[in-house]
Amino acid sequence: MELTQRLEKISVGYGERLGFDRDPDWFLLKLQEEVGELTQAYLQHTGRARAKGATQDDIRSTFHQEFADVLCQLLLFAHQHDVDLSQEIERKWLVYEA
Protein backbone atom coordinates (compact mmCIF):
# COMPACT_ATOMS: atom_id res chain seq x y z
CA MET A 1 0.00 0.00 0.00
CA GLU A 2 1.33 3.45 -0.92
CA LEU A 3 2.43 5.66 1.98
CA THR A 4 -0.11 8.39 1.24
CA GLN A 5 -2.94 5.86 1.17
CA ARG A 6 -1.83 4.52 4.53
CA LEU A 7 -1.69 8.04 5.95
CA GLU A 8 -5.13 8.83 4.51
CA LYS A 9 -6.63 5.81 6.25
CA ILE A 10 -5.09 6.86 9.56
CA SER A 11 -6.27 10.46 9.08
CA VAL A 12 -9.84 9.37 8.29
CA GLY A 13 -9.89 7.30 11.47
CA TYR A 14 -8.52 10.24 13.46
CA GLY A 15 -11.32 12.49 12.20
CA GLU A 16 -13.95 9.86 12.93
CA ARG A 17 -12.66 9.20 16.46
CA LEU A 18 -12.60 12.89 17.31
CA GLY A 19 -15.85 13.64 15.48
CA PHE A 20 -14.84 16.31 12.97
CA ASP A 21 -14.90 16.72 9.20
CA ARG A 22 -11.57 16.85 7.45
CA ASP A 23 -12.67 19.66 5.16
CA PRO A 24 -10.17 21.39 2.83
CA ASP A 25 -9.37 24.05 5.44
CA TRP A 26 -8.54 21.43 8.05
CA PHE A 27 -5.63 20.06 6.01
CA LEU A 28 -3.93 23.45 5.72
CA LEU A 29 -4.64 24.39 9.32
CA LYS A 30 -3.31 21.05 10.57
CA LEU A 31 -0.15 21.51 8.48
CA GLN A 32 0.33 24.96 10.03
CA GLU A 33 -0.14 23.48 13.50
CA GLU A 34 2.51 20.87 12.83
CA VAL A 35 4.97 23.46 11.45
CA GLY A 36 4.41 25.42 14.66
CA GLU A 37 5.16 22.33 16.73
CA LEU A 38 8.33 21.72 14.70
CA THR A 39 9.35 25.32 15.34
CA GLN A 40 8.78 24.92 19.08
CA ALA A 41 10.75 21.65 19.11
CA TYR A 42 13.57 23.33 17.17
CA LEU A 43 13.72 26.18 19.66
CA GLN A 44 13.95 23.69 22.53
CA HIS A 45 16.52 21.62 20.62
CA THR A 46 18.72 24.69 20.10
CA GLY A 47 18.33 25.92 23.69
CA ARG A 48 16.20 28.95 22.81
CA ALA A 49 13.04 27.77 24.57
CA ARG A 50 12.32 26.27 27.96
CA ALA A 51 12.82 22.52 28.22
CA LYS A 52 9.67 22.22 30.35
CA GLY A 53 11.21 19.36 32.31
CA ALA A 54 12.16 17.31 29.23
CA THR A 55 15.56 15.68 29.00
CA GLN A 56 17.90 16.43 26.10
CA ASP A 57 17.12 12.98 24.67
CA ASP A 58 13.38 13.69 24.89
CA ILE A 59 13.85 17.07 23.22
CA ARG A 60 15.92 15.56 20.41
CA SER A 61 13.39 12.76 19.90
CA THR A 62 10.45 15.18 19.79
CA PHE A 63 12.33 17.42 17.33
CA HIS A 64 12.91 14.47 15.01
CA GLN A 65 9.32 13.23 15.29
CA GLU A 66 7.92 16.64 14.39
CA PHE A 67 9.56 16.35 10.96
CA ALA A 68 7.43 13.26 10.37
CA ASP A 69 4.27 15.10 11.44
CA VAL A 70 4.97 17.96 9.02
CA LEU A 71 5.78 15.61 6.14
CA CYS A 72 2.72 13.44 6.73
CA GLN A 73 0.39 16.44 6.92
CA LEU A 74 1.94 17.87 3.75
CA LEU A 75 1.38 14.56 1.95
CA LEU A 76 -2.25 14.52 3.11
CA PHE A 77 -2.78 18.14 2.04
CA ALA A 78 -1.32 17.40 -1.40
CA HIS A 79 -3.48 14.28 -1.70
CA GLN A 80 -6.59 16.29 -0.79
CA HIS A 81 -5.86 18.59 -3.73
CA ASP A 82 -4.80 15.87 -6.21
CA VAL A 83 -1.23 17.13 -6.35
CA ASP A 84 1.28 14.63 -7.74
CA LEU A 85 4.26 15.58 -5.61
CA SER A 86 6.69 13.38 -7.54
CA GLN A 87 5.76 15.15 -10.76
CA GLU A 88 5.92 18.59 -9.17
CA ILE A 89 9.33 17.87 -7.61
CA GLU A 90 10.57 16.85 -11.05
CA ARG A 91 9.20 20.06 -12.58
CA LYS A 92 10.25 22.44 -9.80
CA TRP A 93 13.49 21.02 -8.39
CA LEU A 94 15.02 18.19 -10.37
CA VAL A 95 15.19 20.17 -13.61
CA TYR A 96 18.25 21.80 -12.04
CA GLU A 97 20.18 18.57 -11.59
CA ALA A 98 23.57 18.75 -13.21
PDB file of N, CA and C in Angstrom:
ATOM      1  N   MET A   1       0.836  -1.180   0.000  1.00  0.00           N
ATOM      2  CA  MET A   1       0.000   0.000   0.000  1.00  0.00           C
ATOM      3  C   MET A   1       0.888   1.254   0.000  1.00  0.00           C
ATOM      4  N   GLU A   2       0.578   2.212  -0.810  1.00  0.00           N
ATOM      5  CA  GLU A   2       1.329   3.451  -0.915  1.00  0.00           C
ATOM      6  C   GLU A   2       1.255   4.227   0.400  1.00  0.00           C
ATOM      7  N   LEU A   3       2.353   4.920   0.715  1.00  0.00           N
ATOM      8  CA  LEU A   3       2.425   5.660   1.981  1.00  0.00           C
ATOM      9  C   LEU A   3       1.264   6.630   2.145  1.00  0.00           C
ATOM     10  N   THR A   4       0.965   7.409   1.123  1.00  0.00           N
ATOM     11  CA  THR A   4      -0.111   8.393   1.241  1.00  0.00           C
ATOM     12  C   THR A   4      -1.447   7.726   1.516  1.00  0.00           C
ATOM     13  N   GLN A   5      -1.697   6.590   0.919  1.00  0.00           N
ATOM     14  CA  GLN A   5      -2.944   5.862   1.172  1.00  0.00           C
ATOM     15  C   GLN A   5      -2.996   5.390   2.625  1.00  0.00           C
ATOM     16  N   ARG A   6      -1.885   4.946   3.137  1.00  0.00           N
ATOM     17  CA  ARG A   6      -1.832   4.522   4.534  1.00  0.00           C
ATOM     18  C   ARG A   6      -2.095   5.704   5.463  1.00  0.00           C
ATOM     19  N   LEU A   7      -1.480   6.847   5.149  1.00  0.00           N
ATOM     20  CA  LEU A   7      -1.694   8.045   5.954  1.00  0.00           C
ATOM     21  C   LEU A   7      -3.142   8.507   5.881  1.00  0.00           C
ATOM     22  N   GLU A   8      -3.732   8.438   4.691  1.00  0.00           N
ATOM     23  CA  GLU A   8      -5.126   8.834   4.507  1.00  0.00           C
ATOM     24  C   GLU A   8      -6.044   7.991   5.387  1.00  0.00           C
ATOM     25  N   LYS A   9      -5.802   6.704   5.421  1.00  0.00           N
ATOM     26  CA  LYS A   9      -6.627   5.809   6.248  1.00  0.00           C
ATOM     27  C   LYS A   9      -6.513   6.181   7.732  1.00  0.00           C
ATOM     28  N   ILE A  10      -5.306   6.462   8.175  1.00  0.00           N
ATOM     29  CA  ILE A  10      -5.093   6.864   9.562  1.00  0.00           C
ATOM     30  C   ILE A  10      -5.788   8.195   9.842  1.00  0.00           C
ATOM     31  N   SER A  11      -5.667   9.130   8.909  1.00  0.00           N
ATOM     32  CA  SER A  11      -6.274  10.457   9.076  1.00  0.00           C
ATOM     33  C   SER A  11      -7.796  10.381   9.113  1.00  0.00           C
ATOM     34  N   VAL A  12      -8.377   9.555   8.267  1.00  0.00           N
ATOM     35  CA  VAL A  12      -9.839   9.368   8.287  1.00  0.00           C
ATOM     36  C   VAL A  12     -10.270   8.850   9.654  1.00  0.00           C
ATOM     37  N   GLY A  13      -9.573   7.849  10.157  1.00  0.00           N
ATOM     38  CA  GLY A  13      -9.893   7.299  11.471  1.00  0.00           C
ATOM     39  C   GLY A  13      -9.751   8.327  12.577  1.00  0.00           C
ATOM     40  N   TYR A  14      -8.737   9.168  12.479  1.00  0.00           N
ATOM     41  CA  TYR A  14      -8.516  10.244  13.455  1.00  0.00           C
ATOM     42  C   TYR A  14      -9.714  11.188  13.472  1.00  0.00           C
ATOM     43  N   GLY A  15     -10.163  11.602  12.298  1.00  0.00           N
ATOM     44  CA  GLY A  15     -11.321  12.486  12.205  1.00  0.00           C
ATOM     45  C   GLY A  15     -12.582  11.839  12.747  1.00  0.00           C
ATOM     46  N   GLU A  16     -12.772  10.571  12.438  1.00  0.00           N
ATOM     47  CA  GLU A  16     -13.953   9.856  12.931  1.00  0.00           C
ATOM     48  C   GLU A  16     -13.929   9.723  14.447  1.00  0.00           C
ATOM     49  N   ARG A  17     -12.768   9.368  15.009  1.00  0.00           N
ATOM     50  CA  ARG A  17     -12.656   9.204  16.464  1.00  0.00           C
ATOM     51  C   ARG A  17     -12.923  10.506  17.204  1.00  0.00           C
ATOM     52  N   LEU A  18     -12.443  11.603  16.628  1.00  0.00           N
ATOM     53  CA  LEU A  18     -12.604  12.892  17.306  1.00  0.00           C
ATOM     54  C   LEU A  18     -13.858  13.634  16.862  1.00  0.00           C
ATOM     55  N   GLY A  19     -14.561  13.097  15.888  1.00  0.00           N
ATOM     56  CA  GLY A  19     -15.851  13.644  15.478  1.00  0.00           C
ATOM     57  C   GLY A  19     -15.802  14.950  14.711  1.00  0.00           C
ATOM     58  N   PHE A  20     -14.874  15.097  13.790  1.00  0.00           N
ATOM     59  CA  PHE A  20     -14.842  16.309  12.966  1.00  0.00           C
ATOM     60  C   PHE A  20     -14.662  15.948  11.494  1.00  0.00           C
ATOM     61  N   ASP A  21     -15.070  16.886  10.640  1.00  0.00           N
ATOM     62  CA  ASP A  21     -14.897  16.717   9.196  1.00  0.00           C
ATOM     63  C   ASP A  21     -13.517  17.204   8.802  1.00  0.00           C
ATOM     64  N   ARG A  22     -12.872  16.430   7.980  1.00  0.00           N
ATOM     65  CA  ARG A  22     -11.574  16.848   7.449  1.00  0.00           C
ATOM     66  C   ARG A  22     -11.835  17.644   6.164  1.00  0.00           C
ATOM     67  N   ASP A  23     -12.368  18.841   6.335  1.00  0.00           N
ATOM     68  CA  ASP A  23     -12.672  19.661   5.163  1.00  0.00           C
ATOM     69  C   ASP A  23     -11.368  20.252   4.616  1.00  0.00           C
ATOM     70  N   PRO A  24     -11.411  20.872   3.426  1.00  0.00           N
ATOM     71  CA  PRO A  24     -10.170  21.387   2.833  1.00  0.00           C
ATOM     72  C   PRO A  24      -9.389  22.329   3.746  1.00  0.00           C
ATOM     73  N   ASP A  25     -10.067  23.156   4.523  1.00  0.00           N
ATOM     74  CA  ASP A  25      -9.369  24.051   5.436  1.00  0.00           C
ATOM     75  C   ASP A  25      -8.609  23.289   6.517  1.00  0.00           C
ATOM     76  N   TRP A  26      -9.162  22.179   6.972  1.00  0.00           N
ATOM     77  CA  TRP A  26      -8.536  21.427   8.051  1.00  0.00           C
ATOM     78  C   TRP A  26      -7.133  20.994   7.669  1.00  0.00           C
ATOM     79  N   PHE A  27      -6.940  20.555   6.436  1.00  0.00           N
ATOM     80  CA  PHE A  27      -5.631  20.059   6.012  1.00  0.00           C
ATOM     81  C   PHE A  27      -4.564  21.151   6.098  1.00  0.00           C
ATOM     82  N   LEU A  28      -4.895  22.350   5.649  1.00  0.00           N
ATOM     83  CA  LEU A  28      -3.932  23.446   5.721  1.00  0.00           C
ATOM     84  C   LEU A  28      -3.711  23.884   7.162  1.00  0.00           C
ATOM     85  N   LEU A  29      -4.781  23.983   7.926  1.00  0.00           N
ATOM     86  CA  LEU A  29      -4.642  24.392   9.324  1.00  0.00           C
ATOM     87  C   LEU A  29      -3.834  23.375  10.129  1.00  0.00           C
ATOM     88  N   LYS A  30      -4.058  22.101   9.872  1.00  0.00           N
ATOM     89  CA  LYS A  30      -3.309  21.053  10.575  1.00  0.00           C
ATOM     90  C   LYS A  30      -1.829  21.107  10.190  1.00  0.00           C
ATOM     91  N   LEU A  31      -1.550  21.361   8.917  1.00  0.00           N
ATOM     92  CA  LEU A  31      -0.153  21.509   8.480  1.00  0.00           C
ATOM     93  C   LEU A  31       0.504  22.678   9.207  1.00  0.00           C
ATOM     94  N   GLN A  32      -0.210  23.795   9.313  1.00  0.00           N
ATOM     95  CA  GLN A  32       0.328  24.956  10.031  1.00  0.00           C
ATOM     96  C   GLN A  32       0.584  24.627  11.503  1.00  0.00           C
ATOM     97  N   GLU A  33      -0.329  23.895  12.095  1.00  0.00           N
ATOM     98  CA  GLU A  33      -0.145  23.484  13.496  1.00  0.00           C
ATOM     99  C   GLU A  33       1.134  22.667  13.646  1.00  0.00           C
ATOM    100  N   GLU A  34       1.330  21.736  12.744  1.00  0.00           N
ATOM    101  CA  GLU A  34       2.514  20.870  12.831  1.00  0.00           C
ATOM    102  C   GLU A  34       3.804  21.644  12.581  1.00  0.00           C
ATOM    103  N   VAL A  35       3.784  22.618  11.665  1.00  0.00           N
ATOM    104  CA  VAL A  35       4.966  23.460  11.445  1.00  0.00           C
ATOM    105  C   VAL A  35       5.259  24.256  12.721  1.00  0.00           C
ATOM    106  N   GLY A  36       4.225  24.723  13.395  1.00  0.00           N
ATOM    107  CA  GLY A  36       4.410  25.417  14.661  1.00  0.00           C
ATOM    108  C   GLY A  36       5.030  24.519  15.720  1.00  0.00           C
ATOM    109  N   GLU A  37       4.592  23.281  15.768  1.00  0.00           N
ATOM    110  CA  GLU A  37       5.161  22.334  16.734  1.00  0.00           C
ATOM    111  C   GLU A  37       6.618  22.011  16.397  1.00  0.00           C
ATOM    112  N   LEU A  38       6.939  21.922  15.109  1.00  0.00           N
ATOM    113  CA  LEU A  38       8.332  21.723  14.695  1.00  0.00           C
ATOM    114  C   LEU A  38       9.180  22.919  15.109  1.00  0.00           C
ATOM    115  N   THR A  39       8.636  24.110  14.939  1.00  0.00           N
ATOM    116  CA  THR A  39       9.348  25.320  15.338  1.00  0.00           C
ATOM    117  C   THR A  39       9.611  25.326  16.840  1.00  0.00           C
ATOM    118  N   GLN A  40       8.609  24.979  17.621  1.00  0.00           N
ATOM    119  CA  GLN A  40       8.779  24.916  19.076  1.00  0.00           C
ATOM    120  C   GLN A  40       9.837  23.875  19.455  1.00  0.00           C
ATOM    121  N   ALA A  41       9.770  22.716  18.830  1.00  0.00           N
ATOM    122  CA  ALA A  41      10.748  21.655  19.110  1.00  0.00           C
ATOM    123  C   ALA A  41      12.153  22.097  18.717  1.00  0.00           C
ATOM    124  N   TYR A  42      12.273  22.821  17.600  1.00  0.00           N
ATOM    125  CA  TYR A  42      13.571  23.334  17.168  1.00  0.00           C
ATOM    126  C   TYR A  42      14.129  24.324  18.188  1.00  0.00           C
ATOM    127  N   LEU A  43      13.274  25.213  18.666  1.00  0.00           N
ATOM    128  CA  LEU A  43      13.721  26.182  19.660  1.00  0.00           C
ATOM    129  C   LEU A  43      14.197  25.485  20.928  1.00  0.00           C
ATOM    130  N   GLN A  44      13.493  24.464  21.360  1.00  0.00           N
ATOM    131  CA  GLN A  44      13.948  23.694  22.529  1.00  0.00           C
ATOM    132  C   GLN A  44      15.255  22.978  22.210  1.00  0.00           C
ATOM    133  N   HIS A  45      15.340  22.378  21.042  1.00  0.00           N
ATOM    134  CA  HIS A  45      16.523  21.620  20.623  1.00  0.00           C
ATOM    135  C   HIS A  45      17.769  22.503  20.574  1.00  0.00           C
ATOM    136  N   THR A  46      17.574  23.766  20.212  1.00  0.00           N
ATOM    137  CA  THR A  46      18.716  24.691  20.101  1.00  0.00           C
ATOM    138  C   THR A  46      18.901  25.546  21.349  1.00  0.00           C
ATOM    139  N   GLY A  47      18.154  25.232  22.424  1.00  0.00           N
ATOM    140  CA  GLY A  47      18.333  25.921  23.690  1.00  0.00           C
ATOM    141  C   GLY A  47      17.738  27.312  23.741  1.00  0.00           C
ATOM    142  N   ARG A  48      16.800  27.618  22.840  1.00  0.00           N
ATOM    143  CA  ARG A  48      16.198  28.954  22.812  1.00  0.00           C
ATOM    144  C   ARG A  48      14.758  28.956  23.297  1.00  0.00           C
ATOM    145  N   ALA A  49      14.355  27.857  23.932  1.00  0.00           N
ATOM    146  CA  ALA A  49      13.037  27.766  24.566  1.00  0.00           C
ATOM    147  C   ALA A  49      13.186  26.886  25.801  1.00  0.00           C
ATOM    148  N   ARG A  50      12.271  27.060  26.727  1.00  0.00           N
ATOM    149  CA  ARG A  50      12.318  26.273  27.962  1.00  0.00           C
ATOM    150  C   ARG A  50      12.173  24.791  27.661  1.00  0.00           C
ATOM    151  N   ALA A  51      12.880  23.973  28.385  1.00  0.00           N
ATOM    152  CA  ALA A  51      12.823  22.521  28.218  1.00  0.00           C
ATOM    153  C   ALA A  51      11.553  21.932  28.826  1.00  0.00           C
ATOM    154  N   LYS A  52      10.911  22.658  29.704  1.00  0.00           N
ATOM    155  CA  LYS A  52       9.669  22.217  30.347  1.00  0.00           C
ATOM    156  C   LYS A  52       9.810  20.829  30.986  1.00  0.00           C
ATOM    157  N   GLY A  53      10.971  20.612  31.598  1.00  0.00           N
ATOM    158  CA  GLY A  53      11.211  19.364  32.308  1.00  0.00           C
ATOM    159  C   GLY A  53      11.654  18.203  31.440  1.00  0.00           C
ATOM    160  N   ALA A  54      11.746  18.383  30.144  1.00  0.00           N
ATOM    161  CA  ALA A  54      12.159  17.306  29.232  1.00  0.00           C
ATOM    162  C   ALA A  54      13.678  17.164  29.254  1.00  0.00           C
ATOM    163  N   THR A  55      14.124  15.935  29.103  1.00  0.00           N
ATOM    164  CA  THR A  55      15.562  15.680  29.001  1.00  0.00           C
ATOM    165  C   THR A  55      16.038  16.042  27.596  1.00  0.00           C
ATOM    166  N   GLN A  56      17.342  16.148  27.433  1.00  0.00           N
ATOM    167  CA  GLN A  56      17.901  16.425  26.105  1.00  0.00           C
ATOM    168  C   GLN A  56      17.530  15.330  25.105  1.00  0.00           C
ATOM    169  N   ASP A  57      17.517  14.085  25.555  1.00  0.00           N
ATOM    170  CA  ASP A  57      17.120  12.979  24.671  1.00  0.00           C
ATOM    171  C   ASP A  57      15.655  13.107  24.256  1.00  0.00           C
ATOM    172  N   ASP A  58      14.798  13.480  25.203  1.00  0.00           N
ATOM    173  CA  ASP A  58      13.383  13.687  24.887  1.00  0.00           C
ATOM    174  C   ASP A  58      13.207  14.829  23.888  1.00  0.00           C
ATOM    175  N   ILE A  59      13.931  15.907  24.111  1.00  0.00           N
ATOM    176  CA  ILE A  59      13.847  17.067  23.224  1.00  0.00           C
ATOM    177  C   ILE A  59      14.302  16.693  21.815  1.00  0.00           C
ATOM    178  N   ARG A  60      15.396  15.981  21.720  1.00  0.00           N
ATOM    179  CA  ARG A  60      15.915  15.557  20.412  1.00  0.00           C
ATOM    180  C   ARG A  60      14.917  14.634  19.722  1.00  0.00           C
ATOM    181  N   SER A  61      14.352  13.698  20.454  1.00  0.00           N
ATOM    182  CA  SER A  61      13.386  12.760  19.896  1.00  0.00           C
ATOM    183  C   SER A  61      12.140  13.482  19.392  1.00  0.00           C
ATOM    184  N   THR A  62      11.631  14.407  20.188  1.00  0.00           N
ATOM    185  CA  THR A  62      10.452  15.185  19.787  1.00  0.00           C
ATOM    186  C   THR A  62      10.760  16.000  18.543  1.00  0.00           C
ATOM    187  N   PHE A  63      11.910  16.631  18.501  1.00  0.00           N
ATOM    188  CA  PHE A  63      12.328  17.416  17.334  1.00  0.00           C
ATOM    189  C   PHE A  63      12.314  16.545  16.078  1.00  0.00           C
ATOM    190  N   HIS A  64      12.882  15.376  16.160  1.00  0.00           N
ATOM    191  CA  HIS A  64      12.913  14.469  15.008  1.00  0.00           C
ATOM    192  C   HIS A  64      11.513  14.009  14.609  1.00  0.00           C
ATOM    193  N   GLN A  65      10.677  13.696  15.582  1.00  0.00           N
ATOM    194  CA  GLN A  65       9.316  13.227  15.287  1.00  0.00           C
ATOM    195  C   GLN A  65       8.462  14.311  14.645  1.00  0.00           C
ATOM    196  N   GLU A  66       8.710  15.560  14.978  1.00  0.00           N
ATOM    197  CA  GLU A  66       7.923  16.645  14.391  1.00  0.00           C
ATOM    198  C   GLU A  66       8.149  16.767  12.884  1.00  0.00           C
ATOM    199  N   PHE A  67       9.330  16.390  12.406  1.00  0.00           N
ATOM    200  CA  PHE A  67       9.557  16.352  10.958  1.00  0.00           C
ATOM    201  C   PHE A  67       8.580  15.395  10.291  1.00  0.00           C
ATOM    202  N   ALA A  68       8.365  14.248  10.913  1.00  0.00           N
ATOM    203  CA  ALA A  68       7.429  13.258  10.370  1.00  0.00           C
ATOM    204  C   ALA A  68       6.015  13.818  10.344  1.00  0.00           C
ATOM    205  N   ASP A  69       5.621  14.515  11.404  1.00  0.00           N
ATOM    206  CA  ASP A  69       4.274  15.104  11.441  1.00  0.00           C
ATOM    207  C   ASP A  69       4.080  16.110  10.302  1.00  0.00           C
ATOM    208  N   VAL A  70       5.068  16.962  10.094  1.00  0.00           N
ATOM    209  CA  VAL A  70       4.967  17.956   9.023  1.00  0.00           C
ATOM    210  C   VAL A  70       4.895  17.273   7.666  1.00  0.00           C
ATOM    211  N   LEU A  71       5.772  16.307   7.429  1.00  0.00           N
ATOM    212  CA  LEU A  71       5.781  15.613   6.139  1.00  0.00           C
ATOM    213  C   LEU A  71       4.467  14.881   5.896  1.00  0.00           C
ATOM    214  N   CYS A  72       3.966  14.184   6.895  1.00  0.00           N
ATOM    215  CA  CYS A  72       2.715  13.439   6.727  1.00  0.00           C
ATOM    216  C   CYS A  72       1.549  14.380   6.453  1.00  0.00           C
ATOM    217  N   GLN A  73       1.476  15.490   7.165  1.00  0.00           N
ATOM    218  CA  GLN A  73       0.389  16.438   6.915  1.00  0.00           C
ATOM    219  C   GLN A  73       0.522  17.081   5.541  1.00  0.00           C
ATOM    220  N   LEU A  74       1.742  17.321   5.093  1.00  0.00           N
ATOM    221  CA  LEU A  74       1.942  17.869   3.753  1.00  0.00           C
ATOM    222  C   LEU A  74       1.489  16.868   2.697  1.00  0.00           C
ATOM    223  N   LEU A  75       1.824  15.605   2.888  1.00  0.00           N
ATOM    224  CA  LEU A  75       1.378  14.565   1.952  1.00  0.00           C
ATOM    225  C   LEU A  75      -0.144  14.476   1.909  1.00  0.00           C
ATOM    226  N   LEU A  76      -0.783  14.561   3.059  1.00  0.00           N
ATOM    227  CA  LEU A  76      -2.245  14.522   3.108  1.00  0.00           C
ATOM    228  C   LEU A  76      -2.863  15.739   2.434  1.00  0.00           C
ATOM    229  N   PHE A  77      -2.281  16.916   2.651  1.00  0.00           N
ATOM    230  CA  PHE A  77      -2.777  18.145   2.038  1.00  0.00           C
ATOM    231  C   PHE A  77      -2.649  18.059   0.512  1.00  0.00           C
ATOM    232  N   ALA A  78      -1.516  17.566   0.041  1.00  0.00           N
ATOM    233  CA  ALA A  78      -1.317  17.398  -1.404  1.00  0.00           C
ATOM    234  C   ALA A  78      -2.316  16.396  -1.969  1.00  0.00           C
ATOM    235  N   HIS A  79      -2.522  15.309  -1.258  1.00  0.00           N
ATOM    236  CA  HIS A  79      -3.476  14.281  -1.699  1.00  0.00           C
ATOM    237  C   HIS A  79      -4.885  14.862  -1.791  1.00  0.00           C
ATOM    238  N   GLN A  80      -5.271  15.668  -0.820  1.00  0.00           N
ATOM    239  CA  GLN A  80      -6.595  16.288  -0.789  1.00  0.00           C
ATOM    240  C   GLN A  80      -6.827  17.141  -2.036  1.00  0.00           C
ATOM    241  N   HIS A  81      -5.753  17.697  -2.576  1.00  0.00           N
ATOM    242  CA  HIS A  81      -5.859  18.593  -3.730  1.00  0.00           C
ATOM    243  C   HIS A  81      -5.332  17.956  -5.015  1.00  0.00           C
ATOM    244  N   ASP A  82      -5.231  16.633  -5.024  1.00  0.00           N
ATOM    245  CA  ASP A  82      -4.802  15.875  -6.211  1.00  0.00           C
ATOM    246  C   ASP A  82      -3.481  16.377  -6.783  1.00  0.00           C
ATOM    247  N   VAL A  83      -2.547  16.686  -5.920  1.00  0.00           N
ATOM    248  CA  VAL A  83      -1.227  17.126  -6.348  1.00  0.00           C
ATOM    249  C   VAL A  83      -0.307  15.911  -6.414  1.00  0.00           C
ATOM    250  N   ASP A  84       0.296  15.688  -7.561  1.00  0.00           N
ATOM    251  CA  ASP A  84       1.281  14.625  -7.742  1.00  0.00           C
ATOM    252  C   ASP A  84       2.641  15.204  -7.348  1.00  0.00           C
ATOM    253  N   LEU A  85       3.031  14.972  -6.110  1.00  0.00           N
ATOM    254  CA  LEU A  85       4.260  15.578  -5.605  1.00  0.00           C
ATOM    255  C   LEU A  85       5.490  15.116  -6.368  1.00  0.00           C
ATOM    256  N   SER A  86       5.537  13.866  -6.762  1.00  0.00           N
ATOM    257  CA  SER A  86       6.688  13.385  -7.537  1.00  0.00           C
ATOM    258  C   SER A  86       6.841  14.185  -8.820  1.00  0.00           C
ATOM    259  N   GLN A  87       5.739  14.383  -9.512  1.00  0.00           N
ATOM    260  CA  GLN A  87       5.758  15.147 -10.758  1.00  0.00           C
ATOM    261  C   GLN A  87       6.156  16.600 -10.504  1.00  0.00           C
ATOM    262  N   GLU A  88       5.614  17.187  -9.451  1.00  0.00           N
ATOM    263  CA  GLU A  88       5.918  18.590  -9.169  1.00  0.00           C
ATOM    264  C   GLU A  88       7.365  18.780  -8.711  1.00  0.00           C
ATOM    265  N   ILE A  89       7.908  17.809  -8.000  1.00  0.00           N
ATOM    266  CA  ILE A  89       9.326  17.872  -7.611  1.00  0.00           C
ATOM    267  C   ILE A  89      10.203  17.800  -8.857  1.00  0.00           C
ATOM    268  N   GLU A  90       9.839  16.933  -9.772  1.00  0.00           N
ATOM    269  CA  GLU A  90      10.566  16.851 -11.048  1.00  0.00           C
ATOM    270  C   GLU A  90      10.539  18.202 -11.755  1.00  0.00           C
ATOM    271  N   ARG A  91       9.355  18.802 -11.849  1.00  0.00           N
ATOM    272  CA  ARG A  91       9.197  20.064 -12.583  1.00  0.00           C
ATOM    273  C   ARG A  91       9.844  21.255 -11.876  1.00  0.00           C
ATOM    274  N   LYS A  92       9.806  21.252 -10.560  1.00  0.00           N
ATOM    275  CA  LYS A  92      10.252  22.442  -9.804  1.00  0.00           C
ATOM    276  C   LYS A  92      11.705  22.354  -9.348  1.00  0.00           C
ATOM    277  N   TRP A  93      12.163  21.174  -8.970  1.00  0.00           N
ATOM    278  CA  TRP A  93      13.493  21.018  -8.389  1.00  0.00           C
ATOM    279  C   TRP A  93      14.473  20.260  -9.272  1.00  0.00           C
ATOM    280  N   LEU A  94      14.063  19.079  -9.728  1.00  0.00           N
ATOM    281  CA  LEU A  94      15.022  18.187 -10.367  1.00  0.00           C
ATOM    282  C   LEU A  94      15.425  18.630 -11.763  1.00  0.00           C
ATOM    283  N   VAL A  95      14.758  19.619 -12.319  1.00  0.00           N
ATOM    284  CA  VAL A  95      15.188  20.171 -13.612  1.00  0.00           C
ATOM    285  C   VAL A  95      16.558  20.845 -13.480  1.00  0.00           C
ATOM    286  N   TYR A  96      16.969  21.136 -12.266  1.00  0.00           N
ATOM    287  CA  TYR A  96      18.249  21.800 -12.039  1.00  0.00           C
ATOM    288  C   TYR A  96      19.398  20.829 -11.733  1.00  0.00           C
ATOM    289  N   GLU A  97      19.104  19.547 -11.804  1.00  0.00           N
ATOM    290  CA  GLU A  97      20.177  18.574 -11.588  1.00  0.00           C
ATOM    291  C   GLU A  97      21.236  18.722 -12.677  1.00  0.00           C
ATOM    292  N   ALA A  98      22.464  18.632 -12.253  1.00  0.00           N
ATOM    293  CA  ALA A  98      23.574  18.754 -13.214  1.00  0.00           C
ATOM    294  C   ALA A  98      23.821  17.437 -13.924  1.00  0.00           C
TER     295      ALA A  98
END
